[in-house]
């Protein structure tokens, strides 16, 4: 795996772990009421989506191996370009239902870099 891809995977992992930290012990209602929490979560998802976009641009094979990569990039685009039409329920669902799986997969890829073609 090349250094650029490895860095992006670590960026995803760090941003994702931050989201988990922010959301631990919080309910959906807490999320809706707390503008700072929503802003922090959305910012970290922007980073995750951008890192995936960079992986896609430099190493499409790896991008395609990451579950929900296309959907997460789409979410990033919505957060940035469609900021006024973000569905907070989808964001919260992503935090709880999809992010843990993504982080597990990224950790596995980093641990087992042989899952990828070495450069």
C-alpha atoms as a PDB file:
ATOM      1  CA  UNK A   1       0.000   0.000   0.000  1.00  0.00           C
ATOM      2  CA  UNK A   2       1.410   3.407  -0.877  1.00  0.00           C
ATOM      3  CA  UNK A   3       2.050   6.126   1.712  1.00  0.00           C
ATOM      4  CA  UNK A   4      -0.702   8.399   0.393  1.00  0.00           C
ATOM      5  CA  UNK A   5      -3.351   5.702   0.796  1.00  0.00           C
ATOM      6  CA  UNK A   6      -2.057   4.750   4.231  1.00  0.00           C
ATOM      7  CA  UNK A   7      -2.241   8.389   5.375  1.00  0.00           C
ATOM      8  CA  UNK A   8      -5.805   8.720   4.103  1.00  0.00           C
ATOM      9  CA  UNK A   9      -6.830   5.508   5.875  1.00  0.00           C
ATOM     10  CA  UNK A  10      -5.364   6.835   9.118  1.00  0.00           C
ATOM     11  CA  UNK A  11      -7.197  10.135   8.586  1.00  0.00           C
ATOM     12  CA  UNK A  12     -10.461   8.188   8.235  1.00  0.00           C
ATOM     13  CA  UNK A  13      -9.703   6.215  11.361  1.00  0.00           C
ATOM     14  CA  UNK A  14      -8.860   9.275  13.458  1.00  0.00           C
ATOM     15  CA  UNK A  15     -11.873  11.268  12.266  1.00  0.00           C
ATOM     16  CA  UNK A  16     -14.162   8.295  12.801  1.00  0.00           C
ATOM     17  CA  UNK A  17     -12.882   7.662  16.302  1.00  0.00           C
ATOM     18  CA  UNK A  18     -13.474  11.332  17.089  1.00  0.00           C
ATOM     19  CA  UNK A  19     -17.093  10.979  15.964  1.00  0.00           C
ATOM     20  CA  UNK A  20     -17.517   7.925  18.187  1.00  0.00           C
ATOM     21  CA  UNK A  21     -16.063   9.892  21.095  1.00  0.00           C
ATOM     22  CA  UNK A  22     -18.364  12.853  20.446  1.00  0.00           C
ATOM     23  CA  UNK A  23     -21.477  10.675  20.167  1.00  0.00           C
ATOM     24  CA  UNK A  24     -20.890   8.237  23.024  1.00  0.00           C
ATOM     25  CA  UNK A  25     -23.701   8.503  25.542  1.00  0.00           C
ATOM     26  CA  UNK A  26     -25.701  10.861  23.331  1.00  0.00           C
ATOM     27  CA  UNK A  27     -29.186  10.341  21.966  1.00  0.00           C
ATOM     28  CA  UNK A  28     -30.615  11.530  18.696  1.00  0.00           C
ATOM     29  CA  UNK A  29     -32.455  14.239  20.622  1.00  0.00           C
ATOM     30  CA  UNK A  30     -29.140  15.359  22.177  1.00  0.00           C
ATOM     31  CA  UNK A  31     -27.672  15.484  18.684  1.00  0.00           C
ATOM     32  CA  UNK A  32     -30.521  17.638  17.397  1.00  0.00           C
ATOM     33  CA  UNK A  33     -30.318  20.056  20.327  1.00  0.00           C
ATOM     34  CA  UNK A  34     -26.526  20.461  20.348  1.00  0.00           C
ATOM     35  CA  UNK A  35     -25.321  22.566  17.436  1.00  0.00           C
ATOM     36  CA  UNK A  36     -21.677  22.100  18.414  1.00  0.00           C
ATOM     37  CA  UNK A  37     -22.056  18.301  18.448  1.00  0.00           C
ATOM     38  CA  UNK A  38     -23.762  18.323  15.038  1.00  0.00           C
ATOM     39  CA  UNK A  39     -21.092  20.621  13.629  1.00  0.00           C
ATOM     40  CA  UNK A  40     -18.262  18.479  14.975  1.00  0.00           C
ATOM     41  CA  UNK A  41     -19.773  15.237  13.670  1.00  0.00           C
ATOM     42  CA  UNK A  42     -20.480  16.744  10.268  1.00  0.00           C
ATOM     43  CA  UNK A  43     -16.942  18.154  10.010  1.00  0.00           C
ATOM     44  CA  UNK A  44     -15.412  14.763  10.755  1.00  0.00           C
ATOM     45  CA  UNK A  45     -17.641  13.150   8.137  1.00  0.00           C
ATOM     46  CA  UNK A  46     -16.420  15.770   5.668  1.00  0.00           C
ATOM     47  CA  UNK A  47     -12.849  14.643   6.446  1.00  0.00           C
ATOM     48  CA  UNK A  48     -13.765  10.969   6.083  1.00  0.00           C
ATOM     49  CA  UNK A  49     -15.442  11.629   2.747  1.00  0.00           C
ATOM     50  CA  UNK A  50     -12.564  13.733   1.468  1.00  0.00           C
ATOM     51  CA  UNK A  51     -10.028  11.086   2.467  1.00  0.00           C
ATOM     52  CA  UNK A  52     -12.079   8.486   0.600  1.00  0.00           C
ATOM     53  CA  UNK A  53     -12.223  10.775  -2.432  1.00  0.00           C
ATOM     54  CA  UNK A  54      -8.445  11.043  -2.393  1.00  0.00           C
ATOM     55  CA  UNK A  55      -8.115   7.269  -2.133  1.00  0.00           C
ATOM     56  CA  UNK A  56     -10.513   6.932  -5.087  1.00  0.00           C
ATOM     57  CA  UNK A  57      -8.440   9.351  -7.114  1.00  0.00           C
ATOM     58  CA  UNK A  58      -5.117   7.636  -6.384  1.00  0.00           C
ATOM     59  CA  UNK A  59      -6.049   3.992  -5.808  1.00  0.00           C
ATOM     60  CA  UNK A  60      -9.445   2.996  -7.161  1.00  0.00           C
ATOM     61  CA  UNK A  61      -8.906  -0.681  -6.297  1.00  0.00           C
ATOM     62  CA  UNK A  62      -8.633   0.105  -2.601  1.00  0.00           C
ATOM     63  CA  UNK A  63     -11.546   2.547  -2.731  1.00  0.00           C
ATOM     64  CA  UNK A  64     -13.769  -0.172  -4.186  1.00  0.00           C
ATOM     65  CA  UNK A  65     -12.822  -2.552  -1.351  1.00  0.00           C
ATOM     66  CA  UNK A  66     -14.145  -0.149   1.281  1.00  0.00           C
ATOM     67  CA  UNK A  67     -17.808  -0.834   2.048  1.00  0.00           C
ATOM     68  CA  UNK A  68     -20.136   2.132   1.494  1.00  0.00           C
ATOM     69  CA  UNK A  69     -17.304   4.242   0.070  1.00  0.00           C
ATOM     70  CA  UNK A  70     -19.536   5.708  -2.639  1.00  0.00           C
ATOM     71  CA  UNK A  71     -22.293   6.523  -0.159  1.00  0.00           C
ATOM     72  CA  UNK A  72     -19.890   8.192   2.276  1.00  0.00           C
ATOM     73  CA  UNK A  73     -18.426  10.363  -0.477  1.00  0.00           C
ATOM     74  CA  UNK A  74     -22.004  11.280  -1.408  1.00  0.00           C
ATOM     75  CA  UNK A  75     -22.696  12.203   2.202  1.00  0.00           C
ATOM     76  CA  UNK A  76     -19.594  14.387   2.258  1.00  0.00           C
ATOM     77  CA  UNK A  77     -20.791  16.162  -0.864  1.00  0.00           C
ATOM     78  CA  UNK A  78     -24.221  16.737   0.668  1.00  0.00           C
ATOM     79  CA  UNK A  79     -22.689  18.129   3.872  1.00  0.00           C
ATOM     80  CA  UNK A  80     -20.520  20.557   1.939  1.00  0.00           C
ATOM     81  CA  UNK A  81     -22.608  21.514  -1.078  1.00  0.00           C
ATOM     82  CA  UNK A  82     -26.107  20.861   0.232  1.00  0.00           C
ATOM     83  CA  UNK A  83     -25.537  22.157   3.729  1.00  0.00           C
ATOM     84  CA  UNK A  84     -29.067  23.541   3.843  1.00  0.00           C
ATOM     85  CA  UNK A  85     -30.689  20.199   3.064  1.00  0.00           C
ATOM     86  CA  UNK A  86     -28.816  17.802   5.347  1.00  0.00           C
ATOM     87  CA  UNK A  87     -31.013  15.098   6.843  1.00  0.00           C
ATOM     88  CA  UNK A  88     -29.793  14.911  10.438  1.00  0.00           C
ATOM     89  CA  UNK A  89     -31.533  11.569  10.929  1.00  0.00           C
ATOM     90  CA  UNK A  90     -29.353  10.059   8.195  1.00  0.00           C
ATOM     91  CA  UNK A  91     -26.227  11.553   9.767  1.00  0.00           C
ATOM     92  CA  UNK A  92     -27.121  10.094  13.170  1.00  0.00           C
ATOM     93  CA  UNK A  93     -27.993   6.729  11.621  1.00  0.00           C
ATOM     94  CA  UNK A  94     -24.606   6.723   9.919  1.00  0.00           C
ATOM     95  CA  UNK A  95     -22.880   7.414  13.228  1.00  0.00           C
ATOM     96  CA  UNK A  96     -24.585   4.482  14.906  1.00  0.00           C
ATOM     97  CA  UNK A  97     -25.125   1.939  12.151  1.00  0.00           C
ATOM     98  CA  UNK A  98     -22.395   2.406   9.573  1.00  0.00           C
ATOM     99  CA  UNK A  99     -19.417   4.123  11.180  1.00  0.00           C
ATOM    100  CA  UNK A 100     -18.485   1.245  13.522  1.00  0.00           C
ATOM    101  CA  UNK A 101     -18.381  -1.154  10.565  1.00  0.00           C
ATOM    102  CA  UNK A 102     -16.303   1.283   8.522  1.00  0.00           C
ATOM    103  CA  UNK A 103     -13.804   1.766  11.342  1.00  0.00           C
ATOM    104  CA  UNK A 104     -13.476  -1.974  11.834  1.00  0.00           C
ATOM    105  CA  UNK A 105     -12.809  -2.410   8.154  1.00  0.00           C
ATOM    106  CA  UNK A 106     -10.241   0.404   8.033  1.00  0.00           C
ATOM    107  CA  UNK A 107      -8.451  -0.987  11.099  1.00  0.00           C
ATOM    108  CA  UNK A 108      -8.351  -4.388   9.411  1.00  0.00           C
ATOM    109  CA  UNK A 109      -6.941  -2.927   6.211  1.00  0.00           C
ATOM    110  CA  UNK A 110      -4.246  -1.065   8.099  1.00  0.00           C
ATOM    111  CA  UNK A 111      -3.409  -4.124  10.180  1.00  0.00           C
ATOM    112  CA  UNK A 112      -3.326  -6.411   7.160  1.00  0.00           C
ATOM    113  CA  UNK A 113      -1.859  -4.230   4.455  1.00  0.00           C
ATOM    114  CA  UNK A 114      -1.453  -7.395   2.411  1.00  0.00           C
ATOM    115  CA  UNK A 115      -5.198  -6.976   1.658  1.00  0.00           C
ATOM    116  CA  UNK A 116      -4.013  -4.374  -0.827  1.00  0.00           C
ATOM    117  CA  UNK A 117      -1.614  -4.574  -3.698  1.00  0.00           C
ATOM    118  CA  UNK A 118       1.761  -3.292  -2.585  1.00  0.00           C
ATOM    119  CA  UNK A 119       3.389  -0.639  -4.738  1.00  0.00           C
END
